Amino acid sequence: MLHAFDRMVDRQLEGLATREGPPRSKRRRVRAARQWAPEASRHLQALVLVHGEANSPPFGATERFAPELVHLAAVRPSTGERLEVFLAPRKPLGDSIPHFLEVPRERLLGGLPEDPGLSTWRAFAGERAVLGAWGTFAVDLLRALGDAPRPSVDLRQGAIRALRGQKPGGVERAASLLTGRPGTAVAQGRCGRRLAALEQVLQGLARSP
């Protein structure tokens, strides 16, 4: 879906570049790029930024299963409160997962069981949290774990609008484009690094005109 969306944006930009005459949608595009900031501001007190990493079967594996949350990091921007939770894999841990997540295998295997892990997250988030994430992957992982549906804000879409159609790439590249820095990780591994970048993206969007 994301590849299709990126291609759609590319085609729109190509059309604007080759169009003769005044760009009829210019005014509408600028206004749309400004719509995200008020939306984020309305939710700021309840906003919880989240990033999750998953265990999943390698390509071609005999046993197939849906990605399962094994590493979660979250921050409440309004207070600075932070959470980091490891959840023990419910399925066999893929051989390459520790490498890609940049977390020792023993740390992942020693994570919390599913129910205590979910309870820890719910206690941190509270009932009225509005989730801010890069795309929907982290939100989907929490739902699959058993978390109740929550309102959410996709910061990737906000970054696309703020960058005026320029491809943001991953969250770390988007953070550099919007603020010039990736942020400082306060949680372990790739999850912590990407949550730090997500905080930078939020700051960049807040300053965006």
N, C-alpha and C. Protein backbone atom coordinates (compact mmCIF):
# COMPACT_ATOMS: atom_id res chain seq x y z
N MET A 1 0.83 -1.20 0.00
CA MET A 1 0.00 0.00 0.00
C MET A 1 0.87 1.26 0.00
N LEU A 2 1.96 1.24 0.79
CA LEU A 2 2.83 2.41 0.86
C LEU A 2 3.54 2.65 -0.47
N HIS A 3 3.97 1.55 -1.13
CA HIS A 3 4.61 1.71 -2.44
C HIS A 3 3.62 2.30 -3.44
N ALA A 4 2.37 1.84 -3.39
CA ALA A 4 1.35 2.36 -4.30
C ALA A 4 1.10 3.83 -4.03
N PHE A 5 1.06 4.21 -2.77
CA PHE A 5 0.84 5.62 -2.42
C PHE A 5 2.00 6.48 -2.92
N ASP A 6 3.25 6.01 -2.71
CA ASP A 6 4.41 6.76 -3.18
C ASP A 6 4.36 6.94 -4.70
N ARG A 7 3.96 5.89 -5.40
CA ARG A 7 3.88 5.98 -6.86
C ARG A 7 2.80 6.98 -7.26
N MET A 8 1.70 7.01 -6.56
CA MET A 8 0.64 7.96 -6.85
C MET A 8 1.14 9.39 -6.70
N VAL A 9 1.89 9.64 -5.61
CA VAL A 9 2.46 10.97 -5.39
C VAL A 9 3.41 11.34 -6.51
N ASP A 10 4.28 10.38 -6.93
CA ASP A 10 5.23 10.63 -8.01
C ASP A 10 4.51 11.02 -9.30
N ARG A 11 3.43 10.31 -9.60
CA ARG A 11 2.70 10.60 -10.84
C ARG A 11 2.05 11.97 -10.78
N GLN A 12 1.54 12.34 -9.61
CA GLN A 12 0.94 13.67 -9.48
C GLN A 12 1.98 14.76 -9.69
N LEU A 13 3.18 14.56 -9.11
CA LEU A 13 4.24 15.55 -9.27
C LEU A 13 4.73 15.63 -10.72
N GLU A 14 4.79 14.46 -11.40
CA GLU A 14 5.18 14.46 -12.80
C GLU A 14 4.16 15.23 -13.64
N GLY A 15 2.87 15.05 -13.30
CA GLY A 15 1.83 15.76 -14.03
C GLY A 15 1.92 17.26 -13.83
N LEU A 16 2.21 17.68 -12.61
CA LEU A 16 2.35 19.11 -12.33
C LEU A 16 3.54 19.71 -13.06
N ALA A 17 4.64 18.92 -13.15
CA ALA A 17 5.86 19.42 -13.80
C ALA A 17 5.68 19.61 -15.30
N THR A 18 4.85 18.79 -15.94
CA THR A 18 4.67 18.85 -17.39
C THR A 18 3.42 19.60 -17.81
N ARG A 19 2.62 20.05 -16.85
CA ARG A 19 1.37 20.73 -17.16
C ARG A 19 1.64 22.12 -17.73
N GLU A 20 0.92 22.50 -18.78
CA GLU A 20 1.02 23.84 -19.35
C GLU A 20 -0.05 24.72 -18.71
N GLY A 21 0.31 25.97 -18.44
CA GLY A 21 -0.64 26.87 -17.82
C GLY A 21 -0.48 26.88 -16.31
N PRO A 22 -1.29 27.66 -15.61
CA PRO A 22 -1.16 27.79 -14.15
C PRO A 22 -1.51 26.50 -13.43
N PRO A 23 -0.81 26.18 -12.35
CA PRO A 23 -1.12 24.96 -11.57
C PRO A 23 -2.40 25.14 -10.78
N ARG A 24 -3.48 24.57 -11.26
CA ARG A 24 -4.79 24.84 -10.68
C ARG A 24 -4.92 24.35 -9.24
N SER A 25 -4.08 23.38 -8.82
CA SER A 25 -4.23 22.82 -7.47
C SER A 25 -3.22 23.38 -6.49
N LYS A 26 -2.44 24.40 -6.91
CA LYS A 26 -1.38 24.89 -6.04
C LYS A 26 -1.93 25.37 -4.70
N ARG A 27 -2.97 26.16 -4.71
CA ARG A 27 -3.49 26.71 -3.48
C ARG A 27 -4.03 25.62 -2.57
N ARG A 28 -4.71 24.65 -3.13
CA ARG A 28 -5.25 23.56 -2.33
C ARG A 28 -4.14 22.74 -1.70
N ARG A 29 -3.01 22.51 -2.43
CA ARG A 29 -1.94 21.69 -1.89
C ARG A 29 -1.27 22.36 -0.69
N VAL A 30 -1.08 23.68 -0.76
CA VAL A 30 -0.47 24.38 0.36
C VAL A 30 -1.37 24.32 1.57
N ARG A 31 -2.67 24.51 1.37
CA ARG A 31 -3.59 24.45 2.51
C ARG A 31 -3.61 23.06 3.12
N ALA A 32 -3.58 22.02 2.30
CA ALA A 32 -3.60 20.65 2.82
C ALA A 32 -2.35 20.37 3.65
N ALA A 33 -1.21 20.94 3.25
CA ALA A 33 0.02 20.69 4.00
C ALA A 33 -0.03 21.29 5.40
N ARG A 34 -0.94 22.24 5.62
CA ARG A 34 -1.03 22.87 6.93
C ARG A 34 -2.08 22.23 7.82
N GLN A 35 -2.82 21.30 7.32
CA GLN A 35 -3.92 20.75 8.10
C GLN A 35 -3.44 19.83 9.21
N TRP A 36 -2.25 19.24 9.07
CA TRP A 36 -1.83 18.24 10.05
C TRP A 36 -1.46 18.86 11.38
N ALA A 37 -0.79 20.02 11.37
CA ALA A 37 -0.31 20.62 12.62
C ALA A 37 -1.42 20.90 13.62
N PRO A 38 -2.55 21.52 13.23
CA PRO A 38 -3.63 21.69 14.21
C PRO A 38 -4.16 20.36 14.73
N GLU A 39 -4.20 19.35 13.87
CA GLU A 39 -4.68 18.03 14.31
C GLU A 39 -3.76 17.48 15.41
N ALA A 40 -2.45 17.61 15.22
CA ALA A 40 -1.51 17.13 16.23
C ALA A 40 -1.64 17.94 17.52
N SER A 41 -1.83 19.25 17.38
CA SER A 41 -1.94 20.11 18.56
C SER A 41 -3.15 19.75 19.40
N ARG A 42 -4.26 19.42 18.76
CA ARG A 42 -5.47 19.06 19.51
C ARG A 42 -5.25 17.83 20.36
N HIS A 43 -4.41 16.92 19.88
CA HIS A 43 -4.22 15.65 20.56
C HIS A 43 -2.97 15.63 21.45
N LEU A 44 -2.24 16.74 21.55
CA LEU A 44 -0.93 16.70 22.16
C LEU A 44 -0.95 16.19 23.60
N GLN A 45 -1.93 16.61 24.40
CA GLN A 45 -1.96 16.19 25.79
C GLN A 45 -2.18 14.68 25.93
N ALA A 46 -2.91 14.09 25.00
CA ALA A 46 -3.19 12.66 25.07
C ALA A 46 -2.25 11.84 24.19
N LEU A 47 -1.39 12.51 23.41
CA LEU A 47 -0.58 11.80 22.42
C LEU A 47 0.49 10.93 23.08
N VAL A 48 0.61 9.70 22.59
CA VAL A 48 1.67 8.78 22.98
C VAL A 48 2.34 8.29 21.70
N LEU A 49 3.60 8.63 21.52
CA LEU A 49 4.35 8.14 20.36
C LEU A 49 4.80 6.71 20.62
N VAL A 50 4.61 5.84 19.65
CA VAL A 50 4.97 4.43 19.82
C VAL A 50 5.75 3.92 18.61
N HIS A 51 6.67 3.02 18.90
CA HIS A 51 7.33 2.25 17.84
C HIS A 51 7.48 0.82 18.33
N GLY A 52 7.16 -0.12 17.47
CA GLY A 52 7.25 -1.52 17.83
C GLY A 52 8.04 -2.31 16.83
N GLU A 53 8.72 -3.34 17.31
CA GLU A 53 9.46 -4.27 16.46
C GLU A 53 8.90 -5.67 16.67
N ALA A 54 9.00 -6.49 15.64
CA ALA A 54 8.29 -7.76 15.65
C ALA A 54 9.18 -8.94 15.34
N ASN A 55 8.76 -10.09 15.81
CA ASN A 55 9.29 -11.38 15.38
C ASN A 55 8.40 -11.88 14.25
N SER A 56 9.01 -12.37 13.20
CA SER A 56 8.24 -12.89 12.07
C SER A 56 9.04 -14.00 11.41
N PRO A 57 8.37 -14.91 10.71
CA PRO A 57 9.09 -16.02 10.09
C PRO A 57 9.90 -15.53 8.90
N PRO A 58 11.06 -16.12 8.64
CA PRO A 58 11.84 -15.73 7.47
C PRO A 58 11.12 -16.15 6.19
N PHE A 59 11.48 -15.52 5.11
CA PHE A 59 10.87 -15.85 3.82
C PHE A 59 11.12 -17.31 3.50
N GLY A 60 10.06 -17.99 3.10
CA GLY A 60 10.18 -19.39 2.73
C GLY A 60 10.10 -20.36 3.89
N ALA A 61 9.86 -19.86 5.11
CA ALA A 61 9.77 -20.76 6.27
C ALA A 61 8.56 -21.67 6.17
N THR A 62 8.69 -22.86 6.72
CA THR A 62 7.58 -23.82 6.68
C THR A 62 6.42 -23.34 7.52
N GLU A 63 6.70 -22.86 8.73
CA GLU A 63 5.65 -22.35 9.61
C GLU A 63 5.47 -20.87 9.38
N ARG A 64 4.27 -20.47 9.01
CA ARG A 64 3.96 -19.08 8.79
C ARG A 64 3.13 -18.55 9.94
N PHE A 65 3.40 -17.31 10.36
CA PHE A 65 2.59 -16.67 11.39
C PHE A 65 2.68 -15.16 11.22
N ALA A 66 1.70 -14.48 11.74
CA ALA A 66 1.66 -13.03 11.63
C ALA A 66 2.76 -12.41 12.50
N PRO A 67 3.30 -11.26 12.12
CA PRO A 67 4.30 -10.60 12.97
C PRO A 67 3.77 -10.41 14.39
N GLU A 68 4.62 -10.68 15.37
CA GLU A 68 4.22 -10.54 16.77
C GLU A 68 5.15 -9.56 17.48
N LEU A 69 4.57 -8.69 18.27
CA LEU A 69 5.32 -7.66 18.96
C LEU A 69 6.28 -8.26 19.98
N VAL A 70 7.56 -7.88 19.89
CA VAL A 70 8.55 -8.34 20.87
C VAL A 70 9.31 -7.19 21.53
N HIS A 71 9.26 -6.00 20.96
CA HIS A 71 9.96 -4.86 21.53
C HIS A 71 9.12 -3.61 21.28
N LEU A 72 8.75 -2.95 22.35
CA LEU A 72 7.90 -1.76 22.26
C LEU A 72 8.56 -0.61 23.02
N ALA A 73 8.60 0.56 22.41
CA ALA A 73 9.08 1.77 23.07
C ALA A 73 8.05 2.86 22.84
N ALA A 74 7.82 3.67 23.87
CA ALA A 74 6.80 4.71 23.79
C ALA A 74 7.22 5.91 24.60
N VAL A 75 6.72 7.09 24.22
CA VAL A 75 6.98 8.31 24.97
C VAL A 75 5.73 9.18 24.93
N ARG A 76 5.46 9.85 26.04
CA ARG A 76 4.36 10.81 26.11
C ARG A 76 4.99 12.21 25.98
N PRO A 77 4.88 12.85 24.82
CA PRO A 77 5.57 14.13 24.61
C PRO A 77 5.18 15.21 25.61
N SER A 78 3.96 15.21 26.09
CA SER A 78 3.51 16.28 26.99
C SER A 78 4.19 16.23 28.35
N THR A 79 4.69 15.06 28.75
CA THR A 79 5.31 14.91 30.07
C THR A 79 6.73 14.37 30.02
N GLY A 80 7.12 13.76 28.90
CA GLY A 80 8.43 13.14 28.79
C GLY A 80 8.49 11.73 29.35
N GLU A 81 7.37 11.20 29.85
CA GLU A 81 7.36 9.83 30.38
C GLU A 81 7.68 8.84 29.27
N ARG A 82 8.42 7.79 29.62
CA ARG A 82 8.85 6.81 28.62
C ARG A 82 8.59 5.39 29.09
N LEU A 83 8.46 4.52 28.12
CA LEU A 83 8.23 3.10 28.39
C LEU A 83 9.04 2.27 27.41
N GLU A 84 9.65 1.21 27.91
CA GLU A 84 10.30 0.22 27.06
C GLU A 84 9.94 -1.16 27.58
N VAL A 85 9.41 -1.99 26.70
CA VAL A 85 8.96 -3.33 27.10
C VAL A 85 9.45 -4.35 26.09
N PHE A 86 10.01 -5.44 26.60
CA PHE A 86 10.32 -6.60 25.77
C PHE A 86 9.29 -7.67 26.07
N LEU A 87 8.78 -8.32 25.03
CA LEU A 87 7.83 -9.41 25.18
C LEU A 87 8.46 -10.68 24.61
N ALA A 88 8.42 -11.73 25.37
CA ALA A 88 8.98 -13.00 24.91
C ALA A 88 8.23 -13.48 23.67
N PRO A 89 8.93 -13.94 22.64
CA PRO A 89 8.25 -14.43 21.44
C PRO A 89 7.31 -15.58 21.77
N ARG A 90 6.13 -15.56 21.19
CA ARG A 90 5.18 -16.66 21.34
C ARG A 90 5.42 -17.73 20.29
N LYS A 91 6.11 -17.38 19.22
CA LYS A 91 6.51 -18.30 18.17
C LYS A 91 8.04 -18.40 18.18
N PRO A 92 8.60 -19.39 17.49
CA PRO A 92 10.07 -19.50 17.45
C PRO A 92 10.71 -18.21 16.96
N LEU A 93 11.72 -17.74 17.68
CA LEU A 93 12.39 -16.49 17.32
C LEU A 93 13.27 -16.72 16.08
N GLY A 94 13.05 -15.91 15.06
CA GLY A 94 13.83 -16.04 13.84
C GLY A 94 15.31 -15.80 14.09
N ASP A 95 16.16 -16.54 13.40
CA ASP A 95 17.60 -16.44 13.61
C ASP A 95 18.13 -15.03 13.35
N SER A 96 17.53 -14.33 12.38
CA SER A 96 18.05 -13.01 12.01
C SER A 96 17.40 -11.87 12.79
N ILE A 97 16.36 -12.16 13.56
CA ILE A 97 15.62 -11.10 14.24
C ILE A 97 16.50 -10.30 15.20
N PRO A 98 17.30 -10.95 16.07
CA PRO A 98 18.15 -10.15 16.96
C PRO A 98 19.08 -9.20 16.21
N HIS A 99 19.60 -9.65 15.08
CA HIS A 99 20.50 -8.80 14.30
C HIS A 99 19.76 -7.57 13.77
N PHE A 100 18.59 -7.78 13.18
CA PHE A 100 17.85 -6.66 12.60
C PHE A 100 17.31 -5.73 13.67
N LEU A 101 16.93 -6.27 14.83
CA LEU A 101 16.40 -5.44 15.90
C LEU A 101 17.51 -4.81 16.75
N GLU A 102 18.75 -5.28 16.53
CA GLU A 102 19.92 -4.77 17.25
C GLU A 102 19.78 -4.98 18.76
N VAL A 103 19.25 -6.14 19.12
CA VAL A 103 19.04 -6.51 20.52
C VAL A 103 19.53 -7.94 20.70
N PRO A 104 20.25 -8.25 21.78
CA PRO A 104 20.72 -9.62 21.99
C PRO A 104 19.57 -10.62 22.04
N ARG A 105 19.82 -11.79 21.50
CA ARG A 105 18.81 -12.84 21.47
C ARG A 105 18.30 -13.16 22.88
N GLU A 106 19.22 -13.21 23.85
CA GLU A 106 18.83 -13.54 25.22
C GLU A 106 17.86 -12.50 25.79
N ARG A 107 18.05 -11.24 25.40
CA ARG A 107 17.16 -10.19 25.90
C ARG A 107 15.76 -10.36 25.35
N LEU A 108 15.66 -10.72 24.09
CA LEU A 108 14.34 -10.93 23.50
C LEU A 108 13.66 -12.16 24.10
N LEU A 109 14.39 -13.24 24.25
CA LEU A 109 13.81 -14.46 24.81
C LEU A 109 13.42 -14.28 26.27
N GLY A 110 14.06 -13.34 26.97
CA GLY A 110 13.76 -13.11 28.38
C GLY A 110 12.71 -12.05 28.62
N GLY A 111 11.98 -11.67 27.58
CA GLY A 111 10.95 -10.65 27.74
C GLY A 111 9.75 -11.13 28.53
N LEU A 112 8.83 -10.20 28.79
CA LEU A 112 7.63 -10.52 29.56
C LEU A 112 6.71 -11.45 28.79
N PRO A 113 5.93 -12.27 29.48
CA PRO A 113 4.85 -13.00 28.81
C PRO A 113 3.82 -12.02 28.25
N GLU A 114 2.97 -12.51 27.40
CA GLU A 114 2.02 -11.66 26.68
C GLU A 114 1.13 -10.84 27.60
N ASP A 115 0.48 -11.46 28.57
CA ASP A 115 -0.48 -10.73 29.42
C ASP A 115 0.18 -9.66 30.27
N PRO A 116 1.29 -9.96 30.99
CA PRO A 116 1.94 -8.89 31.74
C PRO A 116 2.47 -7.76 30.84
N GLY A 117 2.94 -8.13 29.66
CA GLY A 117 3.42 -7.11 28.74
C GLY A 117 2.30 -6.18 28.31
N LEU A 118 1.14 -6.74 27.99
CA LEU A 118 0.00 -5.93 27.59
C LEU A 118 -0.48 -5.06 28.75
N SER A 119 -0.49 -5.62 29.95
CA SER A 119 -0.91 -4.84 31.12
C SER A 119 0.04 -3.67 31.38
N THR A 120 1.34 -3.89 31.19
CA THR A 120 2.32 -2.82 31.36
C THR A 120 2.06 -1.69 30.38
N TRP A 121 1.79 -2.04 29.14
CA TRP A 121 1.48 -1.03 28.12
C TRP A 121 0.21 -0.27 28.47
N ARG A 122 -0.84 -0.98 28.84
CA ARG A 122 -2.12 -0.32 29.15
C ARG A 122 -1.99 0.62 30.34
N ALA A 123 -1.21 0.23 31.34
CA ALA A 123 -1.02 1.09 32.50
C ALA A 123 -0.30 2.37 32.12
N PHE A 124 0.63 2.28 31.19
CA PHE A 124 1.35 3.47 30.74
C PHE A 124 0.47 4.35 29.86
N ALA A 125 -0.22 3.74 28.91
CA ALA A 125 -0.98 4.52 27.93
C ALA A 125 -2.24 5.14 28.53
N GLY A 126 -2.88 4.44 29.46
CA GLY A 126 -4.16 4.91 29.96
C GLY A 126 -5.27 4.66 28.97
N GLU A 127 -6.46 5.09 29.32
CA GLU A 127 -7.62 4.78 28.48
C GLU A 127 -7.80 5.76 27.32
N ARG A 128 -7.25 6.96 27.45
CA ARG A 128 -7.56 8.00 26.45
C ARG A 128 -6.38 8.34 25.56
N ALA A 129 -5.40 7.48 25.50
CA ALA A 129 -4.22 7.76 24.68
C ALA A 129 -4.58 7.83 23.20
N VAL A 130 -3.99 8.79 22.54
CA VAL A 130 -4.03 8.88 21.07
C VAL A 130 -2.64 8.50 20.59
N LEU A 131 -2.56 7.46 19.78
CA LEU A 131 -1.26 6.93 19.37
C LEU A 131 -0.71 7.69 18.18
N GLY A 132 0.56 8.04 18.26
CA GLY A 132 1.27 8.63 17.12
C GLY A 132 2.33 7.65 16.68
N ALA A 133 2.33 7.29 15.42
CA ALA A 133 3.25 6.26 14.92
C ALA A 133 3.67 6.59 13.50
N TRP A 134 4.69 5.89 13.03
CA TRP A 134 5.13 6.00 11.64
C TRP A 134 4.42 4.91 10.86
N GLY A 135 3.41 5.28 10.08
CA GLY A 135 2.58 4.28 9.44
C GLY A 135 1.64 3.65 10.46
N THR A 136 1.24 2.42 10.20
CA THR A 136 0.29 1.75 11.08
C THR A 136 0.84 0.47 11.71
N PHE A 137 2.10 0.15 11.43
CA PHE A 137 2.64 -1.15 11.86
C PHE A 137 2.60 -1.31 13.37
N ALA A 138 3.09 -0.31 14.12
CA ALA A 138 3.11 -0.42 15.58
C ALA A 138 1.70 -0.51 16.15
N VAL A 139 0.79 0.27 15.59
CA VAL A 139 -0.60 0.23 16.05
C VAL A 139 -1.21 -1.14 15.79
N ASP A 140 -0.91 -1.71 14.62
CA ASP A 140 -1.44 -3.04 14.28
C ASP A 140 -0.86 -4.10 15.21
N LEU A 141 0.42 -3.98 15.57
CA LEU A 141 1.04 -4.95 16.48
C LEU A 141 0.37 -4.91 17.86
N LEU A 142 0.06 -3.71 18.34
CA LEU A 142 -0.62 -3.59 19.63
C LEU A 142 -2.02 -4.17 19.57
N ARG A 143 -2.71 -3.93 18.48
CA ARG A 143 -4.05 -4.51 18.34
C ARG A 143 -3.99 -6.03 18.32
N ALA A 144 -3.00 -6.58 17.61
CA ALA A 144 -2.85 -8.03 17.54
C ALA A 144 -2.50 -8.61 18.90
N LEU A 145 -1.82 -7.82 19.73
CA LEU A 145 -1.48 -8.28 21.08
C LEU A 145 -2.70 -8.33 21.98
N GLY A 146 -3.74 -7.57 21.64
CA GLY A 146 -4.95 -7.56 22.44
C GLY A 146 -5.36 -6.20 22.95
N ASP A 147 -4.62 -5.16 22.55
CA ASP A 147 -4.98 -3.81 22.99
C ASP A 147 -6.26 -3.38 22.31
N ALA A 148 -7.07 -2.60 23.02
CA ALA A 148 -8.33 -2.13 22.46
C ALA A 148 -8.06 -1.11 21.36
N PRO A 149 -8.99 -0.95 20.42
CA PRO A 149 -8.82 0.07 19.37
C PRO A 149 -8.65 1.45 19.98
N ARG A 150 -7.70 2.21 19.44
CA ARG A 150 -7.44 3.56 19.93
C ARG A 150 -7.36 4.52 18.73
N PRO A 151 -7.72 5.78 18.92
CA PRO A 151 -7.48 6.75 17.85
C PRO A 151 -5.99 6.88 17.62
N SER A 152 -5.60 7.14 16.39
CA SER A 152 -4.17 7.22 16.08
C SER A 152 -3.92 8.29 15.03
N VAL A 153 -2.69 8.77 15.00
CA VAL A 153 -2.23 9.77 14.03
C VAL A 153 -1.01 9.21 13.32
N ASP A 154 -1.05 9.20 11.99
CA ASP A 154 0.06 8.67 11.19
C ASP A 154 1.02 9.82 10.87
N LEU A 155 2.16 9.85 11.54
CA LEU A 155 3.12 10.93 11.32
C LEU A 155 3.79 10.84 9.96
N ARG A 156 3.75 9.68 9.34
CA ARG A 156 4.32 9.56 8.00
C ARG A 156 3.54 10.43 7.02
N GLN A 157 2.21 10.40 7.12
CA GLN A 157 1.40 11.23 6.24
C GLN A 157 1.65 12.71 6.51
N GLY A 158 1.83 13.06 7.79
CA GLY A 158 2.16 14.43 8.11
C GLY A 158 3.48 14.86 7.51
N ALA A 159 4.48 13.95 7.53
CA ALA A 159 5.79 14.27 6.95
C ALA A 159 5.70 14.46 5.45
N ILE A 160 4.92 13.64 4.77
CA ILE A 160 4.74 13.77 3.33
C ILE A 160 4.17 15.15 3.00
N ARG A 161 3.17 15.58 3.77
CA ARG A 161 2.57 16.90 3.52
C ARG A 161 3.56 18.01 3.82
N ALA A 162 4.28 17.90 4.93
CA ALA A 162 5.21 18.96 5.32
C ALA A 162 6.37 19.07 4.32
N LEU A 163 6.76 17.95 3.71
CA LEU A 163 7.86 17.96 2.75
C LEU A 163 7.39 18.26 1.34
N ARG A 164 6.14 18.62 1.20
CA ARG A 164 5.56 19.04 -0.08
C ARG A 164 5.73 17.99 -1.18
N GLY A 165 5.50 16.72 -0.80
CA GLY A 165 5.54 15.66 -1.80
C GLY A 165 6.89 14.98 -1.91
N GLN A 166 7.94 15.54 -1.31
CA GLN A 166 9.24 14.86 -1.33
C GLN A 166 9.15 13.58 -0.52
N LYS A 167 9.69 12.50 -1.04
CA LYS A 167 9.61 11.24 -0.34
C LYS A 167 10.34 11.31 1.00
N PRO A 168 9.67 10.99 2.11
CA PRO A 168 10.35 11.05 3.39
C PRO A 168 11.26 9.86 3.66
N GLY A 169 11.06 8.76 2.90
CA GLY A 169 11.82 7.55 3.20
C GLY A 169 11.38 6.98 4.53
N GLY A 170 12.32 6.43 5.30
CA GLY A 170 12.01 5.92 6.63
C GLY A 170 11.93 7.05 7.64
N VAL A 171 11.56 6.70 8.86
CA VAL A 171 11.36 7.72 9.89
C VAL A 171 12.67 8.44 10.22
N GLU A 172 13.81 7.76 10.16
CA GLU A 172 15.07 8.42 10.48
C GLU A 172 15.46 9.43 9.40
N ARG A 173 15.23 9.10 8.16
CA ARG A 173 15.52 10.06 7.09
C ARG A 173 14.57 11.25 7.19
N ALA A 174 13.30 10.97 7.48
CA ALA A 174 12.34 12.06 7.61
C ALA A 174 12.72 13.01 8.74
N ALA A 175 13.21 12.46 9.86
CA ALA A 175 13.64 13.29 10.97
C ALA A 175 14.78 14.21 10.54
N SER A 176 15.73 13.69 9.76
CA SER A 176 16.85 14.50 9.29
C SER A 176 16.38 15.59 8.33
N LEU A 177 15.43 15.25 7.46
CA LEU A 177 14.92 16.23 6.51
C LEU A 177 14.16 17.35 7.21
N LEU A 178 13.42 17.01 8.25
CA LEU A 178 12.56 17.99 8.90
C LEU A 178 13.30 18.81 9.96
N THR A 179 14.29 18.21 10.63
CA THR A 179 14.95 18.91 11.74
C THR A 179 16.47 18.95 11.63
N GLY A 180 17.04 18.15 10.73
CA GLY A 180 18.49 18.12 10.60
C GLY A 180 19.19 17.20 11.56
N ARG A 181 18.42 16.47 12.38
CA ARG A 181 19.05 15.53 13.32
C ARG A 181 18.11 14.35 13.57
N PRO A 182 18.67 13.16 13.88
CA PRO A 182 17.84 11.97 14.06
C PRO A 182 17.29 11.80 15.47
N GLY A 183 17.76 12.59 16.43
CA GLY A 183 17.30 12.41 17.81
C GLY A 183 18.24 11.49 18.57
N THR A 184 18.10 11.47 19.89
CA THR A 184 18.93 10.65 20.76
C THR A 184 18.11 9.51 21.33
N ALA A 185 18.52 8.28 21.07
CA ALA A 185 17.77 7.11 21.51
C ALA A 185 17.88 6.95 23.02
N VAL A 186 16.77 6.66 23.66
CA VAL A 186 16.77 6.38 25.10
C VAL A 186 16.23 4.99 25.38
N ALA A 187 15.92 4.24 24.33
CA ALA A 187 15.56 2.83 24.45
C ALA A 187 16.55 2.05 23.61
N GLN A 188 16.56 0.74 23.76
CA GLN A 188 17.58 -0.09 23.13
C GLN A 188 17.28 -0.34 21.65
N GLY A 189 18.35 -0.63 20.91
CA GLY A 189 18.24 -1.16 19.57
C GLY A 189 17.58 -0.24 18.55
N ARG A 190 17.16 -0.87 17.47
CA ARG A 190 16.52 -0.13 16.39
C ARG A 190 15.23 0.53 16.85
N CYS A 191 14.53 -0.12 17.76
CA CYS A 191 13.27 0.43 18.26
C CYS A 191 13.51 1.78 18.94
N GLY A 192 14.52 1.85 19.79
CA GLY A 192 14.81 3.09 20.48
C GLY A 192 15.26 4.18 19.54
N ARG A 193 16.07 3.82 18.55
CA ARG A 193 16.56 4.79 17.59
C ARG A 193 15.42 5.36 16.75
N ARG A 194 14.49 4.52 16.36
CA ARG A 194 13.39 4.99 15.53
C ARG A 194 12.35 5.77 16.33
N LEU A 195 12.18 5.43 17.60
CA LEU A 195 11.29 6.25 18.42
C LEU A 195 11.88 7.65 18.60
N ALA A 196 13.20 7.74 18.79
CA ALA A 196 13.85 9.05 18.88
C ALA A 196 13.63 9.86 17.61
N ALA A 197 13.73 9.19 16.46
CA ALA A 197 13.48 9.87 15.19
C ALA A 197 12.03 10.32 15.08
N LEU A 198 11.11 9.50 15.60
CA LEU A 198 9.70 9.87 15.56
C LEU A 198 9.44 11.13 16.38
N GLU A 199 10.14 11.26 17.51
CA GLU A 199 10.02 12.49 18.31
C GLU A 199 10.49 13.70 17.50
N GLN A 200 11.59 13.53 16.75
CA GLN A 200 12.09 14.62 15.93
C GLN A 200 11.09 14.98 14.83
N VAL A 201 10.47 13.97 14.24
CA VAL A 201 9.46 14.23 13.21
C VAL A 201 8.32 15.05 13.79
N LEU A 202 7.87 14.69 14.98
CA LEU A 202 6.81 15.46 15.63
C LEU A 202 7.23 16.91 15.83
N GLN A 203 8.45 17.12 16.29
CA GLN A 203 8.93 18.48 16.49
C GLN A 203 9.00 19.23 15.17
N GLY A 204 9.46 18.54 14.12
CA GLY A 204 9.51 19.17 12.81
C GLY A 204 8.14 19.55 12.29
N LEU A 205 7.15 18.70 12.51
CA LEU A 205 5.80 19.00 12.07
C LEU A 205 5.20 20.15 12.87
N ALA A 206 5.55 20.22 14.15
CA ALA A 206 5.03 21.32 14.97
C ALA A 206 5.55 22.68 14.49
N ARG A 207 6.77 22.69 13.92
CA ARG A 207 7.35 23.94 13.41
C ARG A 207 6.99 24.21 11.96
N SER A 208 6.38 23.21 11.33
CA SER A 208 6.08 23.33 9.91
C SER A 208 4.98 24.37 9.68
N PRO A 209 5.10 25.23 8.65
CA PRO A 209 4.09 26.27 8.40
C PRO A 209 2.79 25.67 7.89
